[in-house]
């Protein structure tokens, strides 16, 4: 039996840069999401 890879889910991320709100909507795997959160992104949904 083949091991199933984790599917990427779509997440909306938010961060303030130079006084402006920046939103990104992108498909991320769990380790990618954790990396973004450590870099200062906040999860909106």
Protein backbone atom coordinates (compact mmCIF):
# COMPACT_ATOMS: atom_id res chain seq x y z
CA UNK A 1 0.00 0.00 0.00
CA UNK A 2 1.26 3.47 -0.87
CA UNK A 3 1.66 6.08 1.84
CA UNK A 4 -0.53 9.12 1.12
CA UNK A 5 1.15 12.51 1.07
CA UNK A 6 -0.42 15.34 3.03
CA UNK A 7 -2.50 17.54 0.77
CA UNK A 8 -1.91 21.28 0.89
CA UNK A 9 -4.84 23.30 2.24
CA UNK A 10 -5.63 26.88 1.26
CA UNK A 11 -4.94 29.43 4.01
CA UNK A 12 -5.47 33.18 4.23
CA UNK A 13 -2.48 34.84 5.89
CA UNK A 14 -2.17 38.42 7.14
CA UNK A 15 0.76 40.65 8.05
CA UNK A 16 1.45 44.39 8.42
CA UNK A 17 4.33 45.73 6.33
CA UNK A 18 5.31 49.41 6.39
CA UNK A 19 1.95 50.37 7.89
CA UNK A 20 0.00 48.51 5.21
CA UNK A 21 -2.01 45.32 5.60
CA UNK A 22 -0.79 42.47 3.42
CA UNK A 23 -2.98 39.43 2.75
CA UNK A 24 -1.91 36.22 1.01
CA UNK A 25 -4.16 33.31 0.06
CA UNK A 26 -2.10 30.27 -0.82
CA UNK A 27 -2.00 26.48 -0.54
CA UNK A 28 0.32 25.37 2.25
CA UNK A 29 1.33 22.11 3.87
CA UNK A 30 1.55 21.97 7.68
CA UNK A 31 5.32 22.56 7.86
CA UNK A 32 5.03 25.46 5.39
CA UNK A 33 2.24 27.02 7.49
CA UNK A 34 4.32 26.68 10.67
CA UNK A 35 7.23 28.38 8.91
CA UNK A 36 5.04 31.33 7.81
CA UNK A 37 3.69 31.77 11.37
CA UNK A 38 7.25 31.87 12.75
CA UNK A 39 8.11 34.55 10.16
CA UNK A 40 5.38 36.84 11.52
CA UNK A 41 2.31 35.94 9.44
CA UNK A 42 -1.03 35.59 11.22
CA UNK A 43 -3.67 33.05 10.19
CA UNK A 44 -7.01 34.68 9.28
CA UNK A 45 -8.93 31.52 8.36
